[in-house]
Amino acid sequence: MEPEPAPQEITSLVGREVYSNNGVFVGEVEDLRLDMTDERVTGLALGQINRDLFDDRLENANGVLLPYRWVRAVGDVVLVNDAVEQLKTADDD
């Protein structure tokens, strides 16, 4: 499981590009969803989303909220599980 970012690192996530494990651009971090009770990040609010990934599901949406548990690595960019595979899995349930 990916460790939660330290408080000073949280704001540094804003503006980073997000890619899937397969190297597909997903979007750009615009904001974070926080659980203040547990003091942890629970989601990434993405803007400038990849329309090829999301337009079939989210017509006219300006962004998406990805669960933080999908984050695999944080560096110059944020790597997440393959978003398309995750969305298809959610549909199959």
N, C-alpha and C. Protein backbone atom coordinates (compact mmCIF):
# COMPACT_ATOMS: atom_id res chain seq x y z
N MET A 1 0.84 -1.18 0.00
CA MET A 1 0.00 0.00 0.00
C MET A 1 0.88 1.24 0.00
N GLU A 2 0.54 2.20 -0.83
CA GLU A 2 1.31 3.44 -0.95
C GLU A 2 1.18 4.26 0.33
N PRO A 3 2.29 4.70 0.94
CA PRO A 3 2.20 5.52 2.14
C PRO A 3 1.61 6.88 1.83
N GLU A 4 0.90 7.44 2.81
CA GLU A 4 0.34 8.77 2.65
C GLU A 4 1.47 9.80 2.55
N PRO A 5 1.28 10.82 1.71
CA PRO A 5 2.31 11.85 1.62
C PRO A 5 2.40 12.66 2.91
N ALA A 6 3.58 13.13 3.22
CA ALA A 6 3.77 14.00 4.38
C ALA A 6 3.05 15.32 4.12
N PRO A 7 2.64 16.03 5.18
CA PRO A 7 1.86 17.27 5.00
C PRO A 7 2.47 18.27 4.02
N GLN A 8 3.78 18.48 4.06
CA GLN A 8 4.40 19.44 3.15
C GLN A 8 4.36 18.94 1.70
N GLU A 9 4.22 17.63 1.50
CA GLU A 9 4.17 17.08 0.16
C GLU A 9 2.78 17.16 -0.46
N ILE A 10 1.75 17.28 0.37
CA ILE A 10 0.38 17.25 -0.13
C ILE A 10 0.15 18.36 -1.15
N THR A 11 0.52 19.58 -0.82
CA THR A 11 0.29 20.68 -1.75
C THR A 11 1.15 20.55 -3.00
N SER A 12 2.26 19.84 -2.89
CA SER A 12 3.12 19.68 -4.07
C SER A 12 2.50 18.75 -5.10
N LEU A 13 1.47 18.00 -4.74
CA LEU A 13 0.78 17.13 -5.70
C LEU A 13 -0.03 17.93 -6.70
N VAL A 14 -0.54 19.09 -6.27
CA VAL A 14 -1.36 19.92 -7.15
C VAL A 14 -0.53 20.39 -8.34
N GLY A 15 -1.06 20.19 -9.52
CA GLY A 15 -0.37 20.57 -10.74
C GLY A 15 0.39 19.43 -11.41
N ARG A 16 0.55 18.32 -10.71
CA ARG A 16 1.29 17.19 -11.31
C ARG A 16 0.41 16.43 -12.28
N GLU A 17 1.03 15.95 -13.33
CA GLU A 17 0.33 15.14 -14.31
C GLU A 17 0.17 13.73 -13.76
N VAL A 18 -0.94 13.10 -14.14
CA VAL A 18 -1.25 11.74 -13.68
C VAL A 18 -1.27 10.82 -14.89
N TYR A 19 -0.56 9.71 -14.77
CA TYR A 19 -0.49 8.71 -15.84
C TYR A 19 -0.86 7.35 -15.27
N SER A 20 -1.40 6.49 -16.13
CA SER A 20 -1.66 5.11 -15.74
C SER A 20 -0.35 4.33 -15.76
N ASN A 21 -0.39 3.14 -15.19
CA ASN A 21 0.79 2.26 -15.24
C ASN A 21 1.22 1.97 -16.67
N ASN A 22 0.28 2.06 -17.61
CA ASN A 22 0.59 1.80 -19.02
C ASN A 22 1.10 3.04 -19.75
N GLY A 23 1.30 4.14 -19.03
CA GLY A 23 1.84 5.35 -19.64
C GLY A 23 0.80 6.23 -20.31
N VAL A 24 -0.49 5.98 -20.06
CA VAL A 24 -1.55 6.78 -20.66
C VAL A 24 -1.83 7.99 -19.76
N PHE A 25 -1.85 9.18 -20.36
CA PHE A 25 -2.16 10.40 -19.61
C PHE A 25 -3.60 10.32 -19.12
N VAL A 26 -3.82 10.57 -17.83
CA VAL A 26 -5.15 10.50 -17.23
C VAL A 26 -5.69 11.90 -16.97
N GLY A 27 -4.88 12.79 -16.43
CA GLY A 27 -5.31 14.16 -16.12
C GLY A 27 -4.25 14.86 -15.30
N GLU A 28 -4.64 16.00 -14.73
CA GLU A 28 -3.73 16.80 -13.92
C GLU A 28 -4.37 17.04 -12.56
N VAL A 29 -3.60 16.87 -11.49
CA VAL A 29 -4.13 17.07 -10.14
C VAL A 29 -4.48 18.54 -9.95
N GLU A 30 -5.76 18.79 -9.63
CA GLU A 30 -6.21 20.15 -9.34
C GLU A 30 -6.47 20.36 -7.85
N ASP A 31 -6.82 19.28 -7.17
CA ASP A 31 -7.14 19.37 -5.75
C ASP A 31 -7.07 17.99 -5.13
N LEU A 32 -7.17 17.94 -3.83
CA LEU A 32 -7.12 16.67 -3.10
C LEU A 32 -8.36 16.53 -2.25
N ARG A 33 -8.79 15.30 -2.08
CA ARG A 33 -9.89 15.02 -1.16
C ARG A 33 -9.25 14.49 0.11
N LEU A 34 -9.60 15.13 1.25
CA LEU A 34 -9.00 14.77 2.52
C LEU A 34 -10.06 14.25 3.48
N ASP A 35 -9.68 13.27 4.29
CA ASP A 35 -10.51 12.80 5.39
C ASP A 35 -9.91 13.42 6.64
N MET A 36 -10.56 14.44 7.15
CA MET A 36 -9.99 15.18 8.29
C MET A 36 -10.02 14.36 9.57
N THR A 37 -10.96 13.43 9.69
CA THR A 37 -11.03 12.59 10.88
C THR A 37 -9.80 11.70 10.99
N ASP A 38 -9.46 11.05 9.88
CA ASP A 38 -8.30 10.15 9.86
C ASP A 38 -7.02 10.84 9.41
N GLU A 39 -7.14 12.13 9.05
CA GLU A 39 -6.00 12.92 8.59
C GLU A 39 -5.24 12.23 7.46
N ARG A 40 -5.96 11.92 6.39
CA ARG A 40 -5.33 11.25 5.25
C ARG A 40 -5.97 11.70 3.95
N VAL A 41 -5.21 11.54 2.88
CA VAL A 41 -5.70 11.84 1.54
C VAL A 41 -6.55 10.65 1.08
N THR A 42 -7.76 10.94 0.58
CA THR A 42 -8.62 9.85 0.11
C THR A 42 -8.86 9.90 -1.39
N GLY A 43 -8.52 11.02 -2.04
CA GLY A 43 -8.75 11.09 -3.48
C GLY A 43 -7.98 12.22 -4.13
N LEU A 44 -7.83 12.08 -5.44
CA LEU A 44 -7.21 13.11 -6.27
C LEU A 44 -8.27 13.66 -7.20
N ALA A 45 -8.48 14.97 -7.15
CA ALA A 45 -9.41 15.62 -8.08
C ALA A 45 -8.60 16.04 -9.30
N LEU A 46 -8.94 15.46 -10.45
CA LEU A 46 -8.20 15.72 -11.68
C LEU A 46 -8.98 16.63 -12.61
N GLY A 47 -8.27 17.55 -13.23
CA GLY A 47 -8.81 18.37 -14.30
C GLY A 47 -8.00 18.09 -15.56
N GLN A 48 -8.32 18.79 -16.61
CA GLN A 48 -7.64 18.58 -17.90
C GLN A 48 -7.55 17.09 -18.20
N ILE A 49 -8.70 16.41 -18.02
CA ILE A 49 -8.72 14.95 -18.14
C ILE A 49 -8.59 14.50 -19.59
N ASN A 50 -8.11 13.29 -19.74
CA ASN A 50 -7.97 12.66 -21.04
C ASN A 50 -9.37 12.28 -21.53
N ARG A 51 -9.86 13.00 -22.50
CA ARG A 51 -11.22 12.78 -23.01
C ARG A 51 -11.39 11.39 -23.61
N ASP A 52 -10.36 10.82 -24.17
CA ASP A 52 -10.45 9.48 -24.73
C ASP A 52 -10.79 8.45 -23.65
N LEU A 53 -10.35 8.68 -22.43
CA LEU A 53 -10.62 7.75 -21.33
C LEU A 53 -12.01 7.94 -20.72
N PHE A 54 -12.46 9.19 -20.64
CA PHE A 54 -13.62 9.48 -19.81
C PHE A 54 -14.88 9.94 -20.53
N ASP A 55 -14.79 10.38 -21.77
CA ASP A 55 -15.98 10.96 -22.40
C ASP A 55 -17.14 10.00 -22.55
N ASP A 56 -16.88 8.70 -22.72
CA ASP A 56 -17.98 7.74 -22.83
C ASP A 56 -18.77 7.64 -21.53
N ARG A 57 -18.13 7.90 -20.41
CA ARG A 57 -18.77 7.78 -19.10
C ARG A 57 -19.19 9.12 -18.53
N LEU A 58 -18.49 10.17 -18.84
CA LEU A 58 -18.70 11.46 -18.19
C LEU A 58 -18.88 12.57 -19.22
N GLU A 59 -20.03 12.63 -19.82
CA GLU A 59 -20.26 13.67 -20.81
C GLU A 59 -20.21 15.04 -20.17
N ASN A 60 -19.49 15.96 -20.79
CA ASN A 60 -19.38 17.35 -20.36
C ASN A 60 -18.76 17.54 -18.97
N ALA A 61 -18.11 16.52 -18.43
CA ALA A 61 -17.46 16.67 -17.12
C ALA A 61 -16.16 17.43 -17.28
N ASN A 62 -15.86 18.25 -16.31
CA ASN A 62 -14.61 19.01 -16.32
C ASN A 62 -13.50 18.30 -15.58
N GLY A 63 -13.84 17.25 -14.83
CA GLY A 63 -12.83 16.54 -14.07
C GLY A 63 -13.37 15.25 -13.49
N VAL A 64 -12.51 14.54 -12.81
CA VAL A 64 -12.87 13.29 -12.15
C VAL A 64 -12.18 13.24 -10.79
N LEU A 65 -12.72 12.40 -9.91
CA LEU A 65 -12.12 12.16 -8.61
C LEU A 65 -11.68 10.70 -8.56
N LEU A 66 -10.37 10.49 -8.46
CA LEU A 66 -9.83 9.13 -8.39
C LEU A 66 -9.54 8.78 -6.94
N PRO A 67 -9.86 7.56 -6.52
CA PRO A 67 -9.51 7.14 -5.16
C PRO A 67 -7.99 7.13 -4.98
N TYR A 68 -7.54 7.59 -3.84
CA TYR A 68 -6.09 7.64 -3.60
C TYR A 68 -5.48 6.24 -3.56
N ARG A 69 -6.28 5.24 -3.25
CA ARG A 69 -5.76 3.86 -3.20
C ARG A 69 -5.29 3.40 -4.58
N TRP A 70 -5.70 4.09 -5.65
CA TRP A 70 -5.23 3.76 -6.99
C TRP A 70 -3.82 4.26 -7.25
N VAL A 71 -3.31 5.16 -6.41
CA VAL A 71 -1.97 5.73 -6.61
C VAL A 71 -0.93 4.65 -6.34
N ARG A 72 -0.02 4.51 -7.29
CA ARG A 72 1.05 3.53 -7.16
C ARG A 72 2.39 4.19 -6.86
N ALA A 73 2.62 5.38 -7.36
CA ALA A 73 3.90 6.07 -7.13
C ALA A 73 3.70 7.56 -7.33
N VAL A 74 4.47 8.33 -6.57
CA VAL A 74 4.46 9.79 -6.70
C VAL A 74 5.90 10.23 -6.90
N GLY A 75 6.14 10.94 -7.96
CA GLY A 75 7.46 11.49 -8.26
C GLY A 75 7.23 12.78 -9.04
N ASP A 76 7.92 12.93 -10.15
CA ASP A 76 7.68 14.09 -11.02
C ASP A 76 6.26 14.04 -11.57
N VAL A 77 5.73 12.82 -11.72
CA VAL A 77 4.34 12.60 -12.11
C VAL A 77 3.73 11.63 -11.10
N VAL A 78 2.41 11.49 -11.16
CA VAL A 78 1.72 10.54 -10.30
C VAL A 78 1.31 9.35 -11.16
N LEU A 79 1.68 8.14 -10.72
CA LEU A 79 1.28 6.93 -11.43
C LEU A 79 0.13 6.28 -10.69
N VAL A 80 -0.91 5.90 -11.46
CA VAL A 80 -2.08 5.24 -10.88
C VAL A 80 -2.32 3.93 -11.62
N ASN A 81 -3.14 3.07 -11.01
CA ASN A 81 -3.57 1.86 -11.69
C ASN A 81 -4.19 2.26 -13.02
N ASP A 82 -4.19 1.37 -13.97
CA ASP A 82 -4.78 1.68 -15.26
C ASP A 82 -6.25 2.04 -15.06
N ALA A 83 -6.59 3.29 -15.28
CA ALA A 83 -7.93 3.80 -15.00
C ALA A 83 -9.00 3.10 -15.84
N VAL A 84 -8.71 2.80 -17.07
CA VAL A 84 -9.70 2.16 -17.93
C VAL A 84 -10.03 0.77 -17.40
N GLU A 85 -9.02 0.00 -17.02
CA GLU A 85 -9.26 -1.33 -16.46
C GLU A 85 -10.05 -1.24 -15.15
N GLN A 86 -9.75 -0.28 -14.32
CA GLN A 86 -10.47 -0.11 -13.06
C GLN A 86 -11.94 0.24 -13.30
N LEU A 87 -12.19 1.11 -14.26
CA LEU A 87 -13.57 1.49 -14.55
C LEU A 87 -14.35 0.33 -15.12
N LYS A 88 -13.73 -0.47 -15.99
CA LYS A 88 -14.41 -1.64 -16.55
C LYS A 88 -14.71 -2.65 -15.46
N THR A 89 -13.78 -2.82 -14.51
CA THR A 89 -14.01 -3.74 -13.40
C THR A 89 -15.19 -3.29 -12.56
N ALA A 90 -15.33 -1.99 -12.33
CA ALA A 90 -16.44 -1.47 -11.54
C ALA A 90 -17.76 -1.74 -12.27
N ASP A 91 -17.78 -1.65 -13.59
CA ASP A 91 -19.00 -1.92 -14.36
C ASP A 91 -19.41 -3.37 -14.30
N ASP A 92 -18.45 -4.27 -14.20
CA ASP A 92 -18.73 -5.71 -14.23
C ASP A 92 -19.35 -6.22 -12.94
N ASP A 93 -19.21 -5.46 -11.83
CA ASP A 93 -19.75 -5.91 -10.53
C ASP A 93 -21.26 -5.96 -10.52
